[in-house]
Amino acid sequence: ILIIAAWSIGRGFKKHKNKTIVYLAVFGMGFLLTGTLLEDALTILMESIIFVTGGVLLTIAHWKNYKLESIC
């Protein structure tokens, strides 16, 4: 997921130069990576919150990236 997301966001960033999308993607990937690394130390509720937050941030970043790419 992280490699594909980085490739997709990076490719779009070259066209539209919108840093907000990069920030959303980085935070989203950070949440997913944190949830994965701390999986054993977190409660199921906290783990779910972290994974859902990361997924939502990445989804928003991809959606905005797609919209801006089609405009460019």
PDB file of N, CA and C in Angstrom:
ATOM      1  N   ILE A   1       0.833  -1.198   0.000  1.00  0.00           N
ATOM      2  CA  ILE A   1       0.000   0.000   0.000  1.00  0.00           C
ATOM      3  C   ILE A   1       0.872   1.255   0.000  1.00  0.00           C
ATOM      4  N   LEU A   2       1.892   1.253   0.842  1.00  0.00           N
ATOM      5  CA  LEU A   2       2.719   2.449   0.967  1.00  0.00           C
ATOM      6  C   LEU A   2       3.452   2.770  -0.334  1.00  0.00           C
ATOM      7  N   ILE A   3       3.957   1.761  -1.014  1.00  0.00           N
ATOM      8  CA  ILE A   3       4.694   1.986  -2.260  1.00  0.00           C
ATOM      9  C   ILE A   3       3.766   2.502  -3.350  1.00  0.00           C
ATOM     10  N   ILE A   4       2.617   1.881  -3.495  1.00  0.00           N
ATOM     11  CA  ILE A   4       1.665   2.306  -4.519  1.00  0.00           C
ATOM     12  C   ILE A   4       1.143   3.710  -4.227  1.00  0.00           C
ATOM     13  N   ALA A   5       0.844   3.994  -2.969  1.00  0.00           N
ATOM     14  CA  ALA A   5       0.356   5.328  -2.597  1.00  0.00           C
ATOM     15  C   ALA A   5       1.422   6.386  -2.875  1.00  0.00           C
ATOM     16  N   ALA A   6       2.661   6.105  -2.508  1.00  0.00           N
ATOM     17  CA  ALA A   6       3.750   7.063  -2.746  1.00  0.00           C
ATOM     18  C   ALA A   6       3.936   7.312  -4.244  1.00  0.00           C
ATOM     19  N   TRP A   7       3.876   6.258  -5.033  1.00  0.00           N
ATOM     20  CA  TRP A   7       4.028   6.406  -6.481  1.00  0.00           C
ATOM     21  C   TRP A   7       2.891   7.243  -7.063  1.00  0.00           C
ATOM     22  N   SER A   8       1.679   6.936  -6.672  1.00  0.00           N
ATOM     23  CA  SER A   8       0.512   7.620  -7.207  1.00  0.00           C
ATOM     24  C   SER A   8       0.491   9.100  -6.822  1.00  0.00           C
ATOM     25  N   ILE A   9       0.717   9.375  -5.563  1.00  0.00           N
ATOM     26  CA  ILE A   9       0.701  10.766  -5.087  1.00  0.00           C
ATOM     27  C   ILE A   9       1.879  11.532  -5.686  1.00  0.00           C
ATOM     28  N   GLY A  10       3.036  10.901  -5.746  1.00  0.00           N
ATOM     29  CA  GLY A  10       4.222  11.553  -6.309  1.00  0.00           C
ATOM     30  C   GLY A  10       4.041  11.908  -7.773  1.00  0.00           C
ATOM     31  N   ARG A  11       3.438  11.009  -8.530  1.00  0.00           N
ATOM     32  CA  ARG A  11       3.191  11.248  -9.951  1.00  0.00           C
ATOM     33  C   ARG A  11       2.252  12.440 -10.137  1.00  0.00           C
ATOM     34  N   GLY A  12       1.214  12.513  -9.314  1.00  0.00           N
ATOM     35  CA  GLY A  12       0.281  13.634  -9.401  1.00  0.00           C
ATOM     36  C   GLY A  12       0.906  14.940  -8.938  1.00  0.00           C
ATOM     37  N   PHE A  13       1.741  14.853  -7.901  1.00  0.00           N
ATOM     38  CA  PHE A  13       2.378  16.061  -7.354  1.00  0.00           C
ATOM     39  C   PHE A  13       3.265  16.736  -8.399  1.00  0.00           C
ATOM     40  N   LYS A  14       3.891  15.950  -9.257  1.00  0.00           N
ATOM     41  CA  LYS A  14       4.734  16.526 -10.308  1.00  0.00           C
ATOM     42  C   LYS A  14       3.931  17.434 -11.232  1.00  0.00           C
ATOM     43  N   LYS A  15       2.642  17.140 -11.381  1.00  0.00           N
ATOM     44  CA  LYS A  15       1.791  17.936 -12.264  1.00  0.00           C
ATOM     45  C   LYS A  15       1.192  19.150 -11.559  1.00  0.00           C
ATOM     46  N   HIS A  16       0.623  18.937 -10.366  1.00  0.00           N
ATOM     47  CA  HIS A  16      -0.153  20.010  -9.742  1.00  0.00           C
ATOM     48  C   HIS A  16       0.547  20.724  -8.595  1.00  0.00           C
ATOM     49  N   LYS A  17       1.584  20.184  -8.033  1.00  0.00           N
ATOM     50  CA  LYS A  17       2.402  20.815  -6.967  1.00  0.00           C
ATOM     51  C   LYS A  17       1.604  21.220  -5.722  1.00  0.00           C
ATOM     52  N   ASN A  18       0.538  20.503  -5.412  1.00  0.00           N
ATOM     53  CA  ASN A  18      -0.287  20.809  -4.239  1.00  0.00           C
ATOM     54  C   ASN A  18       0.252  20.047  -3.030  1.00  0.00           C
ATOM     55  N   LYS A  19       0.849  20.792  -2.092  1.00  0.00           N
ATOM     56  CA  LYS A  19       1.479  20.177  -0.922  1.00  0.00           C
ATOM     57  C   LYS A  19       0.468  19.594   0.059  1.00  0.00           C
ATOM     58  N   THR A  20      -0.750  20.104   0.063  1.00  0.00           N
ATOM     59  CA  THR A  20      -1.773  19.595   0.976  1.00  0.00           C
ATOM     60  C   THR A  20      -2.014  18.107   0.740  1.00  0.00           C
ATOM     61  N   ILE A  21      -2.021  17.707  -0.507  1.00  0.00           N
ATOM     62  CA  ILE A  21      -2.234  16.302  -0.839  1.00  0.00           C
ATOM     63  C   ILE A  21      -1.094  15.448  -0.302  1.00  0.00           C
ATOM     64  N   VAL A  22       0.115  15.947  -0.433  1.00  0.00           N
ATOM     65  CA  VAL A  22       1.276  15.216   0.085  1.00  0.00           C
ATOM     66  C   VAL A  22       1.177  15.079   1.602  1.00  0.00           C
ATOM     67  N   TYR A  23       0.799  16.150   2.278  1.00  0.00           N
ATOM     68  CA  TYR A  23       0.664  16.094   3.734  1.00  0.00           C
ATOM     69  C   TYR A  23      -0.399  15.074   4.156  1.00  0.00           C
ATOM     70  N   LEU A  24      -1.541  15.092   3.484  1.00  0.00           N
ATOM     71  CA  LEU A  24      -2.592  14.119   3.796  1.00  0.00           C
ATOM     72  C   LEU A  24      -2.091  12.689   3.602  1.00  0.00           C
ATOM     73  N   ALA A  25      -1.402  12.463   2.500  1.00  0.00           N
ATOM     74  CA  ALA A  25      -0.890  11.120   2.205  1.00  0.00           C
ATOM     75  C   ALA A  25       0.162  10.688   3.217  1.00  0.00           C
ATOM     76  N   VAL A  26       1.064  11.588   3.575  1.00  0.00           N
ATOM     77  CA  VAL A  26       2.119  11.250   4.541  1.00  0.00           C
ATOM     78  C   VAL A  26       1.514  10.936   5.907  1.00  0.00           C
ATOM     79  N   PHE A  27       0.569  11.750   6.345  1.00  0.00           N
ATOM     80  CA  PHE A  27      -0.078  11.467   7.633  1.00  0.00           C
ATOM     81  C   PHE A  27      -0.873  10.161   7.574  1.00  0.00           C
ATOM     82  N   GLY A  28      -1.563   9.929   6.474  1.00  0.00           N
ATOM     83  CA  GLY A  28      -2.306   8.683   6.309  1.00  0.00           C
ATOM     84  C   GLY A  28      -1.388   7.470   6.358  1.00  0.00           C
ATOM     85  N   MET A  29      -0.275   7.535   5.613  1.00  0.00           N
ATOM     86  CA  MET A  29       0.686   6.435   5.630  1.00  0.00           C
ATOM     87  C   MET A  29       1.320   6.278   7.015  1.00  0.00           C
ATOM     88  N   GLY A  30       1.540   7.408   7.675  1.00  0.00           N
ATOM     89  CA  GLY A  30       2.093   7.364   9.028  1.00  0.00           C
ATOM     90  C   GLY A  30       1.166   6.652  10.005  1.00  0.00           C
ATOM     91  N   PHE A  31      -0.122   6.946   9.912  1.00  0.00           N
ATOM     92  CA  PHE A  31      -1.095   6.262  10.759  1.00  0.00           C
ATOM     93  C   PHE A  31      -1.111   4.761  10.481  1.00  0.00           C
ATOM     94  N   LEU A  32      -1.112   4.389   9.201  1.00  0.00           N
ATOM     95  CA  LEU A  32      -1.125   2.960   8.855  1.00  0.00           C
ATOM     96  C   LEU A  32       0.141   2.254   9.338  1.00  0.00           C
ATOM     97  N   LEU A  33       1.279   2.902   9.167  1.00  0.00           N
ATOM     98  CA  LEU A  33       2.537   2.314   9.617  1.00  0.00           C
ATOM     99  C   LEU A  33       2.577   2.208  11.143  1.00  0.00           C
ATOM    100  N   THR A  34       2.108   3.237  11.822  1.00  0.00           N
ATOM    101  CA  THR A  34       2.058   3.213  13.289  1.00  0.00           C
ATOM    102  C   THR A  34       1.137   2.104  13.784  1.00  0.00           C
ATOM    103  N   GLY A  35      -0.015   1.982  13.174  1.00  0.00           N
ATOM    104  CA  GLY A  35      -0.945   0.925  13.563  1.00  0.00           C
ATOM    105  C   GLY A  35      -0.353  -0.455  13.365  1.00  0.00           C
ATOM    106  N   THR A  36       0.410  -0.613  12.297  1.00  0.00           N
ATOM    107  CA  THR A  36       1.036  -1.903  12.023  1.00  0.00           C
ATOM    108  C   THR A  36       2.148  -2.203  13.018  1.00  0.00           C
ATOM    109  N   LEU A  37       2.982  -1.212  13.293  1.00  0.00           N
ATOM    110  CA  LEU A  37       4.117  -1.427  14.197  1.00  0.00           C
ATOM    111  C   LEU A  37       3.695  -1.612  15.655  1.00  0.00           C
ATOM    112  N   LEU A  38       2.617  -0.954  16.059  1.00  0.00           N
ATOM    113  CA  LEU A  38       2.171  -1.022  17.450  1.00  0.00           C
ATOM    114  C   LEU A  38       0.966  -1.949  17.637  1.00  0.00           C
ATOM    115  N   GLU A  39       0.737  -2.793  16.672  1.00  0.00           N
ATOM    116  CA  GLU A  39      -0.442  -3.661  16.681  1.00  0.00           C
ATOM    117  C   GLU A  39      -0.601  -4.453  17.982  1.00  0.00           C
ATOM    118  N   ASP A  40       0.476  -4.990  18.499  1.00  0.00           N
ATOM    119  CA  ASP A  40       0.399  -5.811  19.717  1.00  0.00           C
ATOM    120  C   ASP A  40       0.229  -4.978  20.983  1.00  0.00           C
ATOM    121  N   ALA A  41       0.620  -3.705  20.933  1.00  0.00           N
ATOM    122  CA  ALA A  41       0.563  -2.870  22.126  1.00  0.00           C
ATOM    123  C   ALA A  41      -0.748  -2.094  22.256  1.00  0.00           C
ATOM    124  N   LEU A  42      -1.564  -2.086  21.212  1.00  0.00           N
ATOM    125  CA  LEU A  42      -2.792  -1.289  21.218  1.00  0.00           C
ATOM    126  C   LEU A  42      -4.019  -2.147  21.494  1.00  0.00           C
ATOM    127  N   THR A  43      -5.025  -1.502  22.044  1.00  0.00           N
ATOM    128  CA  THR A  43      -6.314  -2.183  22.178  1.00  0.00           C
ATOM    129  C   THR A  43      -6.946  -2.253  20.786  1.00  0.00           C
ATOM    130  N   ILE A  44      -7.914  -3.098  20.634  1.00  0.00           N
ATOM    131  CA  ILE A  44      -8.574  -3.247  19.344  1.00  0.00           C
ATOM    132  C   ILE A  44      -9.267  -1.949  18.931  1.00  0.00           C
ATOM    133  N   LEU A  45      -9.781  -1.212  19.888  1.00  0.00           N
ATOM    134  CA  LEU A  45     -10.432   0.064  19.592  1.00  0.00           C
ATOM    135  C   LEU A  45      -9.424   1.084  19.068  1.00  0.00           C
ATOM    136  N   MET A  46      -8.297   1.225  19.763  1.00  0.00           N
ATOM    137  CA  MET A  46      -7.273   2.172  19.333  1.00  0.00           C
ATOM    138  C   MET A  46      -6.694   1.784  17.980  1.00  0.00           C
ATOM    139  N   GLU A  47      -6.460   0.504  17.796  1.00  0.00           N
ATOM    140  CA  GLU A  47      -5.933   0.017  16.526  1.00  0.00           C
ATOM    141  C   GLU A  47      -6.910   0.330  15.389  1.00  0.00           C
ATOM    142  N   SER A  48      -8.181   0.109  15.624  1.00  0.00           N
ATOM    143  CA  SER A  48      -9.203   0.394  14.614  1.00  0.00           C
ATOM    144  C   SER A  48      -9.257   1.876  14.279  1.00  0.00           C
ATOM    145  N   ILE A  49      -9.198   2.714  15.287  1.00  0.00           N
ATOM    146  CA  ILE A  49      -9.229   4.159  15.079  1.00  0.00           C
ATOM    147  C   ILE A  49      -8.032   4.606  14.245  1.00  0.00           C
ATOM    148  N   ILE A  50      -6.863   4.079  14.568  1.00  0.00           N
ATOM    149  CA  ILE A  50      -5.645   4.451  13.844  1.00  0.00           C
ATOM    150  C   ILE A  50      -5.723   4.000  12.395  1.00  0.00           C
ATOM    151  N   PHE A  51      -6.142   2.764  12.155  1.00  0.00           N
ATOM    152  CA  PHE A  51      -6.224   2.256  10.785  1.00  0.00           C
ATOM    153  C   PHE A  51      -7.297   2.979   9.963  1.00  0.00           C
ATOM    154  N   VAL A  52      -8.437   3.234  10.560  1.00  0.00           N
ATOM    155  CA  VAL A  52      -9.507   3.935   9.834  1.00  0.00           C
ATOM    156  C   VAL A  52      -9.077   5.367   9.513  1.00  0.00           C
ATOM    157  N   THR A  53      -8.452   6.039  10.460  1.00  0.00           N
ATOM    158  CA  THR A  53      -7.975   7.402  10.226  1.00  0.00           C
ATOM    159  C   THR A  53      -6.957   7.430   9.091  1.00  0.00           C
ATOM    160  N   GLY A  54      -6.011   6.515   9.124  1.00  0.00           N
ATOM    161  CA  GLY A  54      -5.014   6.441   8.060  1.00  0.00           C
ATOM    162  C   GLY A  54      -5.639   6.159   6.708  1.00  0.00           C
ATOM    163  N   GLY A  55      -6.578   5.242   6.674  1.00  0.00           N
ATOM    164  CA  GLY A  55      -7.249   4.909   5.429  1.00  0.00           C
ATOM    165  C   GLY A  55      -8.056   6.067   4.875  1.00  0.00           C
ATOM    166  N   VAL A  56      -8.745   6.773   5.745  1.00  0.00           N
ATOM    167  CA  VAL A  56      -9.551   7.918   5.312  1.00  0.00           C
ATOM    168  C   VAL A  56      -8.644   9.033   4.771  1.00  0.00           C
ATOM    169  N   LEU A  57      -7.545   9.308   5.465  1.00  0.00           N
ATOM    170  CA  LEU A  57      -6.621  10.344   4.991  1.00  0.00           C
ATOM    171  C   LEU A  57      -6.037   9.985   3.626  1.00  0.00           C
ATOM    172  N   LEU A  58      -5.662   8.731   3.449  1.00  0.00           N
ATOM    173  CA  LEU A  58      -5.139   8.301   2.149  1.00  0.00           C
ATOM    174  C   LEU A  58      -6.203   8.367   1.065  1.00  0.00           C
ATOM    175  N   THR A  59      -7.416   8.012   1.399  1.00  0.00           N
ATOM    176  CA  THR A  59      -8.509   8.083   0.435  1.00  0.00           C
ATOM    177  C   THR A  59      -8.763   9.524   0.005  1.00  0.00           C
ATOM    178  N   ILE A  60      -8.782  10.440   0.947  1.00  0.00           N
ATOM    179  CA  ILE A  60      -8.972  11.860   0.628  1.00  0.00           C
ATOM    180  C   ILE A  60      -7.828  12.360  -0.246  1.00  0.00           C
ATOM    181  N   ALA A  61      -6.599  11.982   0.103  1.00  0.00           N
ATOM    182  CA  ALA A  61      -5.442  12.405  -0.690  1.00  0.00           C
ATOM    183  C   ALA A  61      -5.540  11.886  -2.120  1.00  0.00           C
ATOM    184  N   HIS A  62      -5.912  10.628  -2.284  1.00  0.00           N
ATOM    185  CA  HIS A  62      -6.044  10.063  -3.627  1.00  0.00           C
ATOM    186  C   HIS A  62      -7.167  10.736  -4.406  1.00  0.00           C
ATOM    187  N   TRP A  63      -8.274  10.999  -3.755  1.00  0.00           N
ATOM    188  CA  TRP A  63      -9.400  11.633  -4.429  1.00  0.00           C
ATOM    189  C   TRP A  63      -9.023  13.036  -4.898  1.00  0.00           C
ATOM    190  N   LYS A  64      -8.405  13.830  -4.013  1.00  0.00           N
ATOM    191  CA  LYS A  64      -7.976  15.178  -4.380  1.00  0.00           C
ATOM    192  C   LYS A  64      -6.911  15.127  -5.475  1.00  0.00           C
ATOM    193  N   ASN A  65      -5.990  14.178  -5.373  1.00  0.00           N
ATOM    194  CA  ASN A  65      -4.946  14.016  -6.374  1.00  0.00           C
ATOM    195  C   ASN A  65      -5.561  13.717  -7.742  1.00  0.00           C
ATOM    196  N   TYR A  66      -6.527  12.823  -7.774  1.00  0.00           N
ATOM    197  CA  TYR A  66      -7.209  12.455  -9.011  1.00  0.00           C
ATOM    198  C   TYR A  66      -7.910  13.660  -9.627  1.00  0.00           C
ATOM    199  N   LYS A  67      -8.609  14.423  -8.794  1.00  0.00           N
ATOM    200  CA  LYS A  67      -9.340  15.584  -9.285  1.00  0.00           C
ATOM    201  C   LYS A  67      -8.380  16.630  -9.868  1.00  0.00           C
ATOM    202  N   LEU A  68      -7.264  16.892  -9.169  1.00  0.00           N
ATOM    203  CA  LEU A  68      -6.313  17.895  -9.652  1.00  0.00           C
ATOM    204  C   LEU A  68      -5.562  17.417 -10.889  1.00  0.00           C
ATOM    205  N   GLU A  69      -5.290  16.126 -10.968  1.00  0.00           N
ATOM    206  CA  GLU A  69      -4.624  15.583 -12.148  1.00  0.00           C
ATOM    207  C   GLU A  69      -5.488  15.737 -13.391  1.00  0.00           C
ATOM    208  N   SER A  70      -6.788  15.557 -13.245  1.00  0.00           N
ATOM    209  CA  SER A  70      -7.674  15.677 -14.402  1.00  0.00           C
ATOM    210  C   SER A  70      -7.800  17.133 -14.857  1.00  0.00           C
ATOM    211  N   ILE A  71      -7.577  18.072 -13.962  1.00  0.00           N
ATOM    212  CA  ILE A  71      -7.642  19.487 -14.313  1.00  0.00           C
ATOM    213  C   ILE A  71      -6.374  19.925 -15.047  1.00  0.00           C
ATOM    214  N   CYS A  72      -5.236  19.371 -14.642  1.00  0.00           N
ATOM    215  CA  CYS A  72      -3.935  19.789 -15.219  1.00  0.00           C
ATOM    216  C   CYS A  72      -3.798  19.424 -16.672  1.00  0.00           C
TER     217      CYS A  72
END
